[in-house]
Amino acid sequence: MIEMDAEAFETLVSDELDRLPDDMVGGLDNVVFVIEDRPEDGSLDLLGLYDGLALTERAQYGMGDLPDRIIVYREPHLDVCDDEDHLRDEVHTTLVHEIAHFYGIDDARLHELGWA
């Protein structure tokens, strides 16, 4: 486990988001990224969550719809990582994983691709 305050973690997540390929993040429409300490149940088991409707499941979507959210949980990441390099790798993987859910890629396919 490593220590990192909320502000430093937010900066790290922002840096990792900036490192993702443009074609991955360019299609993110009406999506916000949120950093929370822990999931609502207080567990340390979940690193991230896509809260929204995948592109593949949208019939109509447009103005007035609340944004989808990609949530990155700080404390679970810190709990599973040994150092900052490991943390960057885990945050990167979490971002790719949750963005993939936005595009309609399920956990089984992510596992096949090595992102789960």
C-alpha atoms as a PDB file:
ATOM      1  CA  MET A   1       0.000   0.000   0.000  1.00  0.00           C
ATOM      2  CA  ILE A   2       1.184   3.515  -0.733  1.00  0.00           C
ATOM      3  CA  GLU A   3       0.134   6.924   0.586  1.00  0.00           C
ATOM      4  CA  MET A   4      -1.090   9.744  -1.653  1.00  0.00           C
ATOM      5  CA  ASP A   5      -3.437  12.605  -0.900  1.00  0.00           C
ATOM      6  CA  ALA A   6      -6.525  13.305  -2.986  1.00  0.00           C
ATOM      7  CA  GLU A   7      -4.993  16.216  -4.899  1.00  0.00           C
ATOM      8  CA  ALA A   8      -1.890  14.267  -5.952  1.00  0.00           C
ATOM      9  CA  PHE A   9      -4.036  11.296  -6.964  1.00  0.00           C
ATOM     10  CA  GLU A  10      -6.281  13.539  -9.062  1.00  0.00           C
ATOM     11  CA  THR A  11      -3.210  14.921 -10.836  1.00  0.00           C
ATOM     12  CA  LEU A  12      -1.936  11.405 -11.499  1.00  0.00           C
ATOM     13  CA  VAL A  13      -5.317  10.334 -12.943  1.00  0.00           C
ATOM     14  CA  SER A  14      -5.421  13.441 -15.118  1.00  0.00           C
ATOM     15  CA  ASP A  15      -1.898  12.728 -16.383  1.00  0.00           C
ATOM     16  CA  GLU A  16      -2.809   9.136 -17.233  1.00  0.00           C
ATOM     17  CA  LEU A  17      -5.978  10.294 -18.994  1.00  0.00           C
ATOM     18  CA  ASP A  18      -3.878  12.683 -21.090  1.00  0.00           C
ATOM     19  CA  ARG A  19      -1.625   9.769 -22.099  1.00  0.00           C
ATOM     20  CA  LEU A  20      -4.473   7.739 -23.585  1.00  0.00           C
ATOM     21  CA  PRO A  21      -4.741   7.657 -27.395  1.00  0.00           C
ATOM     22  CA  ASP A  22      -6.859  10.387 -28.967  1.00  0.00           C
ATOM     23  CA  ASP A  23      -9.007   7.848 -30.803  1.00  0.00           C
ATOM     24  CA  MET A  24      -9.932   6.284 -27.449  1.00  0.00           C
ATOM     25  CA  VAL A  25     -10.942   9.472 -25.655  1.00  0.00           C
ATOM     26  CA  GLY A  26     -12.073  11.477 -28.681  1.00  0.00           C
ATOM     27  CA  GLY A  27     -15.396   9.649 -28.873  1.00  0.00           C
ATOM     28  CA  LEU A  28     -16.299  10.157 -25.236  1.00  0.00           C
ATOM     29  CA  ASP A  29     -19.430  12.230 -25.535  1.00  0.00           C
ATOM     30  CA  ASN A  30     -21.182  13.553 -22.434  1.00  0.00           C
ATOM     31  CA  VAL A  31     -18.865  11.683 -20.033  1.00  0.00           C
ATOM     32  CA  VAL A  32     -17.310  13.072 -16.875  1.00  0.00           C
ATOM     33  CA  PHE A  33     -14.458  11.593 -14.892  1.00  0.00           C
ATOM     34  CA  VAL A  34     -14.938  11.528 -11.134  1.00  0.00           C
ATOM     35  CA  ILE A  35     -12.509  10.580  -8.401  1.00  0.00           C
ATOM     36  CA  GLU A  36     -13.908   9.241  -5.143  1.00  0.00           C
ATOM     37  CA  ASP A  37     -12.154   7.784  -2.129  1.00  0.00           C
ATOM     38  CA  ARG A  38     -14.125   4.508  -2.064  1.00  0.00           C
ATOM     39  CA  PRO A  39     -17.212   2.875  -3.531  1.00  0.00           C
ATOM     40  CA  GLU A  40     -20.483   3.498  -1.671  1.00  0.00           C
ATOM     41  CA  ASP A  41     -20.208   0.168   0.149  1.00  0.00           C
ATOM     42  CA  GLY A  42     -16.841   1.217   1.593  1.00  0.00           C
ATOM     43  CA  SER A  43     -14.990  -1.744   0.121  1.00  0.00           C
ATOM     44  CA  LEU A  44     -11.522  -1.746  -1.380  1.00  0.00           C
ATOM     45  CA  ASP A  45     -12.430  -4.312  -4.040  1.00  0.00           C
ATOM     46  CA  LEU A  46     -13.473  -1.983  -6.860  1.00  0.00           C
ATOM     47  CA  LEU A  47     -10.930   0.216  -8.658  1.00  0.00           C
ATOM     48  CA  GLY A  48     -13.313   1.948 -11.028  1.00  0.00           C
ATOM     49  CA  LEU A  49     -16.855   2.066 -12.317  1.00  0.00           C
ATOM     50  CA  TYR A  50     -18.608   3.100 -15.520  1.00  0.00           C
ATOM     51  CA  ASP A  51     -21.958   4.601 -14.578  1.00  0.00           C
ATOM     52  CA  GLY A  52     -23.945   5.141 -17.733  1.00  0.00           C
ATOM     53  CA  LEU A  53     -25.418   3.631 -20.852  1.00  0.00           C
ATOM     54  CA  ALA A  54     -22.952   2.125 -23.329  1.00  0.00           C
ATOM     55  CA  LEU A  55     -22.976   3.445 -26.881  1.00  0.00           C
ATOM     56  CA  THR A  56     -24.132   0.045 -28.088  1.00  0.00           C
ATOM     57  CA  GLU A  57     -27.258   0.272 -25.905  1.00  0.00           C
ATOM     58  CA  ARG A  58     -28.345   3.812 -26.724  1.00  0.00           C
ATOM     59  CA  ALA A  59     -31.393   4.242 -28.907  1.00  0.00           C
ATOM     60  CA  GLN A  60     -31.647   7.980 -28.477  1.00  0.00           C
ATOM     61  CA  TYR A  61     -29.294  10.096 -26.490  1.00  0.00           C
ATOM     62  CA  GLY A  62     -28.843  13.789 -26.593  1.00  0.00           C
ATOM     63  CA  MET A  63     -29.266  17.177 -25.058  1.00  0.00           C
ATOM     64  CA  GLY A  64     -30.676  17.168 -21.567  1.00  0.00           C
ATOM     65  CA  ASP A  65     -29.338  13.736 -20.640  1.00  0.00           C
ATOM     66  CA  LEU A  66     -27.162  13.639 -17.552  1.00  0.00           C
ATOM     67  CA  PRO A  67     -23.559  12.783 -18.354  1.00  0.00           C
ATOM     68  CA  ASP A  68     -22.250   9.274 -17.953  1.00  0.00           C
ATOM     69  CA  ARG A  69     -19.610   8.955 -15.259  1.00  0.00           C
ATOM     70  CA  ILE A  70     -16.341   7.117 -15.081  1.00  0.00           C
ATOM     71  CA  ILE A  71     -15.418   6.851 -11.432  1.00  0.00           C
ATOM     72  CA  VAL A  72     -11.872   6.108 -10.273  1.00  0.00           C
ATOM     73  CA  TYR A  73     -11.550   5.070  -6.637  1.00  0.00           C
ATOM     74  CA  ARG A  74      -8.453   6.397  -4.866  1.00  0.00           C
ATOM     75  CA  GLU A  75      -8.167   4.229  -1.746  1.00  0.00           C
ATOM     76  CA  PRO A  76      -8.584   0.853  -3.503  1.00  0.00           C
ATOM     77  CA  HIS A  77      -5.845   1.859  -5.960  1.00  0.00           C
ATOM     78  CA  LEU A  78      -3.526   2.886  -3.149  1.00  0.00           C
ATOM     79  CA  ASP A  79      -4.294  -0.365  -1.326  1.00  0.00           C
ATOM     80  CA  VAL A  80      -3.195  -2.621  -4.197  1.00  0.00           C
ATOM     81  CA  CYS A  81      -0.125  -0.682  -5.336  1.00  0.00           C
ATOM     82  CA  ASP A  82       3.409  -0.875  -4.003  1.00  0.00           C
ATOM     83  CA  ASP A  83       4.818   2.293  -5.576  1.00  0.00           C
ATOM     84  CA  GLU A  84       3.893   5.174  -7.869  1.00  0.00           C
ATOM     85  CA  ASP A  85       4.869   3.326 -11.064  1.00  0.00           C
ATOM     86  CA  HIS A  86       2.558   0.470 -10.122  1.00  0.00           C
ATOM     87  CA  LEU A  87      -0.152   3.017  -9.283  1.00  0.00           C
ATOM     88  CA  ARG A  88       0.191   4.685 -12.697  1.00  0.00           C
ATOM     89  CA  ASP A  89      -0.123   1.288 -14.402  1.00  0.00           C
ATOM     90  CA  GLU A  90      -3.239   0.407 -12.388  1.00  0.00           C
ATOM     91  CA  VAL A  91      -4.886   3.778 -13.011  1.00  0.00           C
ATOM     92  CA  HIS A  92      -4.106   3.456 -16.732  1.00  0.00           C
ATOM     93  CA  THR A  93      -5.655  -0.015 -16.834  1.00  0.00           C
ATOM     94  CA  THR A  94      -8.711   1.184 -14.885  1.00  0.00           C
ATOM     95  CA  LEU A  95      -9.250   4.105 -17.279  1.00  0.00           C
ATOM     96  CA  VAL A  96      -8.975   1.854 -20.343  1.00  0.00           C
ATOM     97  CA  HIS A  97     -11.303  -0.697 -18.741  1.00  0.00           C
ATOM     98  CA  GLU A  98     -14.019   1.812 -17.844  1.00  0.00           C
ATOM     99  CA  ILE A  99     -13.767   3.669 -21.174  1.00  0.00           C
ATOM    100  CA  ALA A 100     -14.183   0.311 -22.909  1.00  0.00           C
ATOM    101  CA  HIS A 101     -17.482  -0.145 -21.071  1.00  0.00           C
ATOM    102  CA  PHE A 102     -18.615   3.207 -22.509  1.00  0.00           C
ATOM    103  CA  TYR A 103     -17.969   1.751 -25.977  1.00  0.00           C
ATOM    104  CA  GLY A 104     -19.927  -1.393 -25.101  1.00  0.00           C
ATOM    105  CA  ILE A 105     -17.052  -3.800 -24.484  1.00  0.00           C
ATOM    106  CA  ASP A 106     -17.988  -6.198 -21.689  1.00  0.00           C
ATOM    107  CA  ASP A 107     -15.787  -7.750 -18.996  1.00  0.00           C
ATOM    108  CA  ALA A 108     -15.447 -11.076 -20.847  1.00  0.00           C
ATOM    109  CA  ARG A 109     -13.991  -9.351 -23.911  1.00  0.00           C
ATOM    110  CA  LEU A 110     -11.799  -7.110 -21.763  1.00  0.00           C
ATOM    111  CA  HIS A 111     -10.453 -10.223 -20.064  1.00  0.00           C
ATOM    112  CA  GLU A 112      -9.624 -11.715 -23.480  1.00  0.00           C
ATOM    113  CA  LEU A 113      -7.803  -8.507 -24.381  1.00  0.00           C
ATOM    114  CA  GLY A 114      -5.891  -8.438 -21.070  1.00  0.00           C
ATOM    115  CA  TRP A 115      -7.628  -5.360 -19.619  1.00  0.00           C
ATOM    116  CA  ALA A 116      -9.647  -7.081 -16.881  1.00  0.00           C
END
